[in-house]
Amino acid sequence: MTNLIAGGAHCSRAGACRPCTGRTPAPGGGQWAAVEPGGVMICNAGVMQLVTVAVLFAREDSHYKTLPQCDVYDMARDARTYDGPHPVVAHPPCRAWATLRHHALPRPDERNLARLAVALVREFGGVLEHPHRTTLWEAQRLPAVGQRDAFGGFTLVIDQNWWGHRAQKRTRLYVVGCEPAEVPPLPLVLGEATHTVGLWSGRDKATCRPSIAKHEYEHTPPELAQWLVDLAERCKRHNARANARP
């Protein structure tokens, strides 16, 4: 291992690593880390983990925290502090960009989190996820389906029930750093989802499909989380170019 970037304790795997003199905390709270060609190795409680993707704006109870290759930024870690080097999976808050945003009462700074997510995806490569009806695409001039932008970015439209969500949850993805042909296989599912996102006035609640629970509005299905990480990992080529800039 070379380029040790965070200091602290010896790894419990004798002979597998060595301590360093730095004082910067390792990504994800590990004891120390070393830069490797494929990512960053974290020594966390004696377990060596190769981090290849940063997940930004995650929930505190996010499934991403169970994926060893992910460096997860929840509210406590603050995604605004992320400064590379990995490609990202970004889930910026969406209520400030929703069609009913005037009723959502977002924090004053909340809209800027999505703008930051766009910038980080463009710099380090990766994927940004937002609801299909978001107004972010028009505001940030993100490409329509079938188009590319100046950063090589493109848009995918997916349904989250393809990965096991109980509701359809149609979603837009902004991807930078790989070609459309390099996107992992999409597990297309035909037919209606068993549930909807919310019930609204005028619907016959006795005959319509039930709504998902409120906590499901924000959760990413585990299979989709893994798919997004796999997609972001394919953006390494763009990430390498970004970090080579002076």
C-alpha atoms as a PDB file:
ATOM      1  CA  MET A   1       0.000   0.000   0.000  1.00  0.00           C
ATOM      2  CA  THR A   2       1.130   3.525  -0.729  1.00  0.00           C
ATOM      3  CA  ASN A   3       0.015   7.079  -0.041  1.00  0.00           C
ATOM      4  CA  LEU A   4      -1.344   6.589   3.477  1.00  0.00           C
ATOM      5  CA  ILE A   5      -3.757   9.438   4.040  1.00  0.00           C
ATOM      6  CA  ALA A   6      -5.066   9.033   7.554  1.00  0.00           C
ATOM      7  CA  GLY A   7      -3.337   8.098  10.745  1.00  0.00           C
ATOM      8  CA  GLY A   8      -4.116   6.152  13.864  1.00  0.00           C
ATOM      9  CA  ALA A   9      -3.821   2.535  14.878  1.00  0.00           C
ATOM     10  CA  HIS A  10      -2.252  -0.614  13.483  1.00  0.00           C
ATOM     11  CA  CYS A  11      -4.496  -2.948  11.541  1.00  0.00           C
ATOM     12  CA  SER A  12      -5.185  -6.175  13.424  1.00  0.00           C
ATOM     13  CA  ARG A  13      -4.171  -8.170  10.357  1.00  0.00           C
ATOM     14  CA  ALA A  14      -0.496  -8.639  11.210  1.00  0.00           C
ATOM     15  CA  GLY A  15       1.804  -7.704   8.367  1.00  0.00           C
ATOM     16  CA  ALA A  16      -1.063  -6.543   6.147  1.00  0.00           C
ATOM     17  CA  CYS A  17      -0.652  -2.831   6.762  1.00  0.00           C
ATOM     18  CA  ARG A  18       1.337  -0.235   8.615  1.00  0.00           C
ATOM     19  CA  PRO A  19       0.455   2.869  10.612  1.00  0.00           C
ATOM     20  CA  CYS A  20       1.010   6.349   9.301  1.00  0.00           C
ATOM     21  CA  THR A  21       1.569   9.744  10.844  1.00  0.00           C
ATOM     22  CA  GLY A  22      -1.345  11.678   9.321  1.00  0.00           C
ATOM     23  CA  ARG A  23      -4.212  12.977  11.410  1.00  0.00           C
ATOM     24  CA  THR A  24      -7.040  13.232   8.871  1.00  0.00           C
ATOM     25  CA  PRO A  25      -9.931  10.822   9.638  1.00  0.00           C
ATOM     26  CA  ALA A  26     -10.336   8.101   7.073  1.00  0.00           C
ATOM     27  CA  PRO A  27     -13.457   8.085   4.862  1.00  0.00           C
ATOM     28  CA  GLY A  28     -16.366   6.393   6.580  1.00  0.00           C
ATOM     29  CA  GLY A  29     -14.796   6.767   9.996  1.00  0.00           C
ATOM     30  CA  GLY A  30     -12.124   4.086   9.498  1.00  0.00           C
ATOM     31  CA  GLN A  31      -8.886   4.115  11.451  1.00  0.00           C
ATOM     32  CA  TRP A  32      -6.714   4.901   8.469  1.00  0.00           C
ATOM     33  CA  ALA A  33      -6.783   4.611   4.710  1.00  0.00           C
ATOM     34  CA  ALA A  34      -4.410   4.080   1.800  1.00  0.00           C
ATOM     35  CA  VAL A  35      -4.855   5.127  -1.800  1.00  0.00           C
ATOM     36  CA  GLU A  36      -4.829   2.171  -4.166  1.00  0.00           C
ATOM     37  CA  PRO A  37      -5.265   2.073  -7.981  1.00  0.00           C
ATOM     38  CA  GLY A  38      -8.820   0.749  -7.669  1.00  0.00           C
ATOM     39  CA  GLY A  39      -9.993   3.070  -4.888  1.00  0.00           C
ATOM     40  CA  VAL A  40      -9.194   3.767  -1.242  1.00  0.00           C
ATOM     41  CA  MET A  41      -8.496   0.986   1.246  1.00  0.00           C
ATOM     42  CA  ILE A  42     -10.000   1.643   4.675  1.00  0.00           C
ATOM     43  CA  CYS A  43      -8.802  -0.163   7.790  1.00  0.00           C
ATOM     44  CA  ASN A  44     -11.928  -0.225   9.931  1.00  0.00           C
ATOM     45  CA  ALA A  45     -11.774  -2.331  13.101  1.00  0.00           C
ATOM     46  CA  GLY A  46      -9.171  -4.539  11.455  1.00  0.00           C
ATOM     47  CA  VAL A  47     -11.228  -5.110   8.295  1.00  0.00           C
ATOM     48  CA  MET A  48      -9.784  -3.867   5.019  1.00  0.00           C
ATOM     49  CA  GLN A  49     -12.437  -2.330   2.760  1.00  0.00           C
ATOM     50  CA  LEU A  50     -11.916  -1.033  -0.781  1.00  0.00           C
ATOM     51  CA  VAL A  51     -14.045   2.089  -1.246  1.00  0.00           C
ATOM     52  CA  THR A  52     -14.896   2.857  -4.875  1.00  0.00           C
ATOM     53  CA  VAL A  53     -18.063   5.013  -4.695  1.00  0.00           C
ATOM     54  CA  ALA A  54     -19.286   7.885  -2.515  1.00  0.00           C
ATOM     55  CA  VAL A  55     -23.003   8.005  -1.699  1.00  0.00           C
ATOM     56  CA  LEU A  56     -24.219  11.542  -1.036  1.00  0.00           C
ATOM     57  CA  PHE A  57     -27.344  12.739   0.822  1.00  0.00           C
ATOM     58  CA  ALA A  58     -28.169   9.307   2.211  1.00  0.00           C
ATOM     59  CA  ARG A  59     -30.594   8.573   5.031  1.00  0.00           C
ATOM     60  CA  GLU A  60     -29.175   7.754   8.448  1.00  0.00           C
ATOM     61  CA  ASP A  61     -30.601   4.224   8.135  1.00  0.00           C
ATOM     62  CA  SER A  62     -29.494   3.856   4.506  1.00  0.00           C
ATOM     63  CA  HIS A  63     -28.947   0.412   3.002  1.00  0.00           C
ATOM     64  CA  TYR A  64     -25.824   1.819   1.345  1.00  0.00           C
ATOM     65  CA  LYS A  65     -24.072   1.562   4.722  1.00  0.00           C
ATOM     66  CA  THR A  66     -24.133  -2.230   4.367  1.00  0.00           C
ATOM     67  CA  LEU A  67     -22.219  -2.080   1.058  1.00  0.00           C
ATOM     68  CA  PRO A  68     -18.489  -2.211   1.836  1.00  0.00           C
ATOM     69  CA  GLN A  69     -17.422  -0.359  -1.317  1.00  0.00           C
ATOM     70  CA  CYS A  70     -19.475   2.734  -0.378  1.00  0.00           C
ATOM     71  CA  ASP A  71     -18.322   5.822   1.504  1.00  0.00           C
ATOM     72  CA  VAL A  72     -21.696   7.090   2.744  1.00  0.00           C
ATOM     73  CA  TYR A  73     -22.483  10.715   3.543  1.00  0.00           C
ATOM     74  CA  ASP A  74     -25.692  11.033   5.563  1.00  0.00           C
ATOM     75  CA  MET A  75     -26.858  14.240   7.241  1.00  0.00           C
ATOM     76  CA  ALA A  76     -24.347  13.847  10.082  1.00  0.00           C
ATOM     77  CA  ARG A  77     -21.372  13.576   7.693  1.00  0.00           C
ATOM     78  CA  ASP A  78     -22.703  16.411   5.480  1.00  0.00           C
ATOM     79  CA  ALA A  79     -22.367  15.763   1.748  1.00  0.00           C
ATOM     80  CA  ARG A  80     -21.444  19.413   1.246  1.00  0.00           C
ATOM     81  CA  THR A  81     -17.972  18.518   2.545  1.00  0.00           C
ATOM     82  CA  TYR A  82     -17.339  15.847  -0.104  1.00  0.00           C
ATOM     83  CA  ASP A  83     -14.245  16.667  -2.163  1.00  0.00           C
ATOM     84  CA  GLY A  84     -13.596  13.474  -4.140  1.00  0.00           C
ATOM     85  CA  PRO A  85     -12.003  11.343  -5.349  1.00  0.00           C
ATOM     86  CA  HIS A  86     -14.677   8.709  -6.018  1.00  0.00           C
ATOM     87  CA  PRO A  87     -17.559   8.769  -8.508  1.00  0.00           C
ATOM     88  CA  VAL A  88     -20.810   9.437  -6.693  1.00  0.00           C
ATOM     89  CA  VAL A  89     -24.347   8.203  -6.256  1.00  0.00           C
ATOM     90  CA  ALA A  90     -26.263  11.344  -5.297  1.00  0.00           C
ATOM     91  CA  HIS A  91     -29.742  11.406  -3.745  1.00  0.00           C
ATOM     92  CA  PRO A  92     -30.249  15.153  -3.065  1.00  0.00           C
ATOM     93  CA  PRO A  93     -33.498  16.162  -1.315  1.00  0.00           C
ATOM     94  CA  CYS A  94     -36.281  16.518  -3.861  1.00  0.00           C
ATOM     95  CA  ARG A  95     -39.134  18.313  -2.082  1.00  0.00           C
ATOM     96  CA  ALA A  96     -37.791  21.776  -2.989  1.00  0.00           C
ATOM     97  CA  TRP A  97     -37.911  20.769  -6.680  1.00  0.00           C
ATOM     98  CA  ALA A  98     -41.245  18.919  -6.621  1.00  0.00           C
ATOM     99  CA  THR A  99     -44.384  20.045  -8.425  1.00  0.00           C
ATOM    100  CA  LEU A 100     -45.998  20.664  -5.012  1.00  0.00           C
ATOM    101  CA  ARG A 101     -42.867  22.314  -3.581  1.00  0.00           C
ATOM    102  CA  HIS A 102     -44.807  25.341  -2.324  1.00  0.00           C
ATOM    103  CA  HIS A 103     -46.517  23.070   0.202  1.00  0.00           C
ATOM    104  CA  ALA A 104     -43.354  21.202   1.223  1.00  0.00           C
ATOM    105  CA  LEU A 105     -41.710  23.901   3.395  1.00  0.00           C
ATOM    106  CA  PRO A 106     -38.097  22.976   2.561  1.00  0.00           C
ATOM    107  CA  ARG A 107     -35.177  24.547   4.399  1.00  0.00           C
ATOM    108  CA  PRO A 108     -33.881  27.779   2.810  1.00  0.00           C
ATOM    109  CA  ASP A 109     -30.674  26.067   1.613  1.00  0.00           C
ATOM    110  CA  GLU A 110     -32.282  22.874   0.379  1.00  0.00           C
ATOM    111  CA  ARG A 111     -32.518  23.718  -3.322  1.00  0.00           C
ATOM    112  CA  ASN A 112     -28.771  24.298  -3.447  1.00  0.00           C
ATOM    113  CA  LEU A 113     -28.081  20.714  -2.378  1.00  0.00           C
ATOM    114  CA  ALA A 114     -29.387  19.430  -5.714  1.00  0.00           C
ATOM    115  CA  ARG A 115     -27.360  22.048  -7.589  1.00  0.00           C
ATOM    116  CA  LEU A 116     -24.272  20.858  -5.715  1.00  0.00           C
ATOM    117  CA  ALA A 117     -25.097  17.239  -6.564  1.00  0.00           C
ATOM    118  CA  VAL A 118     -25.201  18.108 -10.279  1.00  0.00           C
ATOM    119  CA  ALA A 119     -21.791  19.773 -10.019  1.00  0.00           C
ATOM    120  CA  LEU A 120     -20.228  16.831  -8.159  1.00  0.00           C
ATOM    121  CA  VAL A 121     -21.567  14.281 -10.653  1.00  0.00           C
ATOM    122  CA  ARG A 122     -20.088  16.369 -13.449  1.00  0.00           C
ATOM    123  CA  GLU A 123     -16.710  16.676 -11.729  1.00  0.00           C
ATOM    124  CA  PHE A 124     -16.214  13.155 -10.397  1.00  0.00           C
ATOM    125  CA  GLY A 125     -18.616  11.133 -12.533  1.00  0.00           C
ATOM    126  CA  GLY A 126     -21.503   9.038 -11.287  1.00  0.00           C
ATOM    127  CA  VAL A 127     -25.269   9.286 -11.114  1.00  0.00           C
ATOM    128  CA  LEU A 128     -27.860  11.659  -9.630  1.00  0.00           C
ATOM    129  CA  GLU A 129     -31.336  10.333  -8.760  1.00  0.00           C
ATOM    130  CA  HIS A 130     -34.517  12.450  -8.580  1.00  0.00           C
ATOM    131  CA  PRO A 131     -38.268  11.915  -9.066  1.00  0.00           C
ATOM    132  CA  HIS A 132     -39.551  11.870 -12.631  1.00  0.00           C
ATOM    133  CA  ARG A 133     -41.578  15.065 -12.178  1.00  0.00           C
ATOM    134  CA  THR A 134     -38.713  17.052 -10.684  1.00  0.00           C
ATOM    135  CA  THR A 135     -38.169  20.593 -11.954  1.00  0.00           C
ATOM    136  CA  LEU A 136     -34.390  20.213 -11.490  1.00  0.00           C
ATOM    137  CA  TRP A 137     -33.800  19.043 -15.061  1.00  0.00           C
ATOM    138  CA  GLU A 138     -35.194  22.207 -16.646  1.00  0.00           C
ATOM    139  CA  ALA A 139     -33.600  24.530 -14.089  1.00  0.00           C
ATOM    140  CA  GLN A 140     -30.117  22.990 -14.479  1.00  0.00           C
ATOM    141  CA  ARG A 141     -30.500  22.320 -18.215  1.00  0.00           C
ATOM    142  CA  LEU A 142     -29.918  18.617 -17.801  1.00  0.00           C
ATOM    143  CA  PRO A 143     -30.302  16.598 -21.000  1.00  0.00           C
ATOM    144  CA  ALA A 144     -33.589  15.112 -22.107  1.00  0.00           C
ATOM    145  CA  VAL A 145     -33.800  11.395 -22.795  1.00  0.00           C
ATOM    146  CA  GLY A 146     -31.832  10.623 -25.942  1.00  0.00           C
ATOM    147  CA  GLN A 147     -29.650  13.735 -25.682  1.00  0.00           C
ATOM    148  CA  ARG A 148     -26.147  14.400 -24.309  1.00  0.00           C
ATOM    149  CA  ASP A 149     -24.848  17.533 -22.625  1.00  0.00           C
ATOM    150  CA  ALA A 150     -21.431  19.206 -22.766  1.00  0.00           C
ATOM    151  CA  PHE A 151     -20.197  16.933 -19.956  1.00  0.00           C
ATOM    152  CA  GLY A 152     -21.164  13.766 -21.822  1.00  0.00           C
ATOM    153  CA  GLY A 153     -24.063  13.321 -19.428  1.00  0.00           C
ATOM    154  CA  PHE A 154     -27.306  11.615 -20.345  1.00  0.00           C
ATOM    155  CA  THR A 155     -30.662  10.871 -18.728  1.00  0.00           C
ATOM    156  CA  LEU A 156     -32.263   7.526 -17.966  1.00  0.00           C
ATOM    157  CA  VAL A 157     -35.863   7.055 -16.845  1.00  0.00           C
ATOM    158  CA  ILE A 158     -36.479   4.014 -14.642  1.00  0.00           C
ATOM    159  CA  ASP A 159     -39.253   2.609 -12.467  1.00  0.00           C
ATOM    160  CA  GLN A 160     -38.155   1.597  -8.982  1.00  0.00           C
ATOM    161  CA  ASN A 161     -40.553  -1.349  -8.859  1.00  0.00           C
ATOM    162  CA  TRP A 162     -38.207  -3.027 -11.337  1.00  0.00           C
ATOM    163  CA  TRP A 163     -35.944  -3.481  -8.303  1.00  0.00           C
ATOM    164  CA  GLY A 164     -38.651  -4.519  -5.859  1.00  0.00           C
ATOM    165  CA  HIS A 165     -40.250  -1.262  -4.686  1.00  0.00           C
ATOM    166  CA  ARG A 166     -43.947  -1.737  -4.011  1.00  0.00           C
ATOM    167  CA  ALA A 167     -44.824   1.451  -5.947  1.00  0.00           C
ATOM    168  CA  GLN A 168     -43.814   2.328  -9.480  1.00  0.00           C
ATOM    169  CA  LYS A 169     -41.837   5.428  -8.376  1.00  0.00           C
ATOM    170  CA  ARG A 170     -40.798   6.600 -11.839  1.00  0.00           C
ATOM    171  CA  THR A 171     -37.378   8.189 -11.482  1.00  0.00           C
ATOM    172  CA  ARG A 172     -34.893  10.200 -13.528  1.00  0.00           C
ATOM    173  CA  LEU A 173     -31.158   9.502 -13.455  1.00  0.00           C
ATOM    174  CA  TYR A 174     -28.473  11.906 -14.652  1.00  0.00           C
ATOM    175  CA  VAL A 175     -25.359   9.916 -15.537  1.00  0.00           C
ATOM    176  CA  VAL A 176     -21.879  11.270 -16.317  1.00  0.00           C
ATOM    177  CA  GLY A 177     -18.744   9.271 -17.033  1.00  0.00           C
ATOM    178  CA  CYS A 178     -19.849   6.218 -18.996  1.00  0.00           C
ATOM    179  CA  GLU A 179     -21.580   5.474 -22.270  1.00  0.00           C
ATOM    180  CA  PRO A 180     -25.255   4.431 -22.443  1.00  0.00           C
ATOM    181  CA  ALA A 181     -24.145   1.002 -23.724  1.00  0.00           C
ATOM    182  CA  GLU A 182     -22.129   0.531 -20.485  1.00  0.00           C
ATOM    183  CA  VAL A 183     -25.163   0.891 -18.203  1.00  0.00           C
ATOM    184  CA  PRO A 184     -25.803  -2.309 -16.194  1.00  0.00           C
ATOM    185  CA  PRO A 185     -28.739  -4.434 -17.414  1.00  0.00           C
ATOM    186  CA  LEU A 186     -32.163  -3.035 -16.537  1.00  0.00           C
ATOM    187  CA  PRO A 187     -34.503  -5.595 -14.899  1.00  0.00           C
ATOM    188  CA  LEU A 188     -37.617  -4.454 -16.744  1.00  0.00           C
ATOM    189  CA  VAL A 189     -40.901  -5.410 -15.064  1.00  0.00           C
ATOM    190  CA  LEU A 190     -44.163  -5.126 -17.012  1.00  0.00           C
ATOM    191  CA  GLY A 191     -47.571  -4.394 -15.523  1.00  0.00           C
ATOM    192  CA  GLU A 192     -48.738  -2.198 -12.664  1.00  0.00           C
ATOM    193  CA  ALA A 193     -47.064  -1.983  -9.297  1.00  0.00           C
ATOM    194  CA  THR A 194     -49.091  -3.235  -6.353  1.00  0.00           C
ATOM    195  CA  HIS A 195     -49.068   0.160  -4.577  1.00  0.00           C
ATOM    196  CA  THR A 196     -49.047   3.880  -5.317  1.00  0.00           C
ATOM    197  CA  VAL A 197     -47.242   6.853  -3.759  1.00  0.00           C
ATOM    198  CA  GLY A 198     -49.929   8.575  -1.713  1.00  0.00           C
ATOM    199  CA  LEU A 199     -53.686   8.857  -2.116  1.00  0.00           C
ATOM    200  CA  TRP A 200     -55.192  12.071  -3.389  1.00  0.00           C
ATOM    201  CA  SER A 201     -58.581  13.726  -3.372  1.00  0.00           C
ATOM    202  CA  GLY A 202     -61.146  12.297  -5.745  1.00  0.00           C
ATOM    203  CA  ARG A 203     -59.862   8.721  -5.760  1.00  0.00           C
ATOM    204  CA  ASP A 204     -62.115   5.905  -4.678  1.00  0.00           C
ATOM    205  CA  LYS A 205     -60.104   4.566  -1.759  1.00  0.00           C
ATOM    206  CA  ALA A 206     -62.276   1.452  -1.623  1.00  0.00           C
ATOM    207  CA  THR A 207     -61.214   0.276  -5.089  1.00  0.00           C
ATOM    208  CA  CYS A 208     -57.829   1.890  -5.786  1.00  0.00           C
ATOM    209  CA  ARG A 209     -54.458   0.374  -5.056  1.00  0.00           C
ATOM    210  CA  PRO A 210     -53.142   1.099  -1.543  1.00  0.00           C
ATOM    211  CA  SER A 211     -50.451   3.666  -0.880  1.00  0.00           C
ATOM    212  CA  ILE A 212     -46.996   2.816   0.376  1.00  0.00           C
ATOM    213  CA  ALA A 213     -46.071   3.887   3.902  1.00  0.00           C
ATOM    214  CA  LYS A 214     -44.476   7.313   4.292  1.00  0.00           C
ATOM    215  CA  HIS A 215     -41.074   5.879   5.198  1.00  0.00           C
ATOM    216  CA  GLU A 216     -41.030   4.126   1.811  1.00  0.00           C
ATOM    217  CA  TYR A 217     -41.167   7.465  -0.013  1.00  0.00           C
ATOM    218  CA  GLU A 218     -37.446   8.011   0.588  1.00  0.00           C
ATOM    219  CA  HIS A 219     -36.018   4.505   0.876  1.00  0.00           C
ATOM    220  CA  THR A 220     -34.082   3.103  -2.088  1.00  0.00           C
ATOM    221  CA  PRO A 221     -34.705  -0.629  -2.627  1.00  0.00           C
ATOM    222  CA  PRO A 222     -31.542  -2.595  -1.777  1.00  0.00           C
ATOM    223  CA  GLU A 223     -31.355  -4.078  -5.274  1.00  0.00           C
ATOM    224  CA  LEU A 224     -31.589  -0.597  -6.823  1.00  0.00           C
ATOM    225  CA  ALA A 225     -28.931   0.739  -4.437  1.00  0.00           C
ATOM    226  CA  GLN A 226     -26.549  -1.988  -5.596  1.00  0.00           C
ATOM    227  CA  TRP A 227     -27.412  -1.287  -9.249  1.00  0.00           C
ATOM    228  CA  LEU A 228     -26.691   2.438  -8.817  1.00  0.00           C
ATOM    229  CA  VAL A 229     -23.351   1.643  -7.172  1.00  0.00           C
ATOM    230  CA  ASP A 230     -22.502  -0.700 -10.061  1.00  0.00           C
ATOM    231  CA  LEU A 231     -23.389   2.106 -12.486  1.00  0.00           C
ATOM    232  CA  ALA A 232     -21.263   4.677 -10.641  1.00  0.00           C
ATOM    233  CA  GLU A 233     -18.297   2.293 -10.622  1.00  0.00           C
ATOM    234  CA  ARG A 234     -18.440   2.268 -14.427  1.00  0.00           C
ATOM    235  CA  CYS A 235     -17.825   6.021 -14.349  1.00  0.00           C
ATOM    236  CA  LYS A 236     -14.232   5.625 -13.120  1.00  0.00           C
ATOM    237  CA  ARG A 237     -12.809   6.600 -16.492  1.00  0.00           C
ATOM    238  CA  HIS A 238     -14.396  10.035 -16.235  1.00  0.00           C
ATOM    239  CA  ASN A 239     -13.381  10.224 -12.586  1.00  0.00           C
ATOM    240  CA  ALA A 240      -9.726   9.636 -13.514  1.00  0.00           C
ATOM    241  CA  ARG A 241      -9.868  12.434 -16.073  1.00  0.00           C
ATOM    242  CA  ALA A 242     -11.440  14.807 -13.542  1.00  0.00           C
ATOM    243  CA  ASN A 243      -8.751  14.177 -10.939  1.00  0.00           C
ATOM    244  CA  ALA A 244      -5.975  14.593 -13.500  1.00  0.00           C
ATOM    245  CA  ARG A 245      -6.930  18.222 -14.052  1.00  0.00           C
ATOM    246  CA  PRO A 246      -4.545  20.779 -12.558  1.00  0.00           C
END
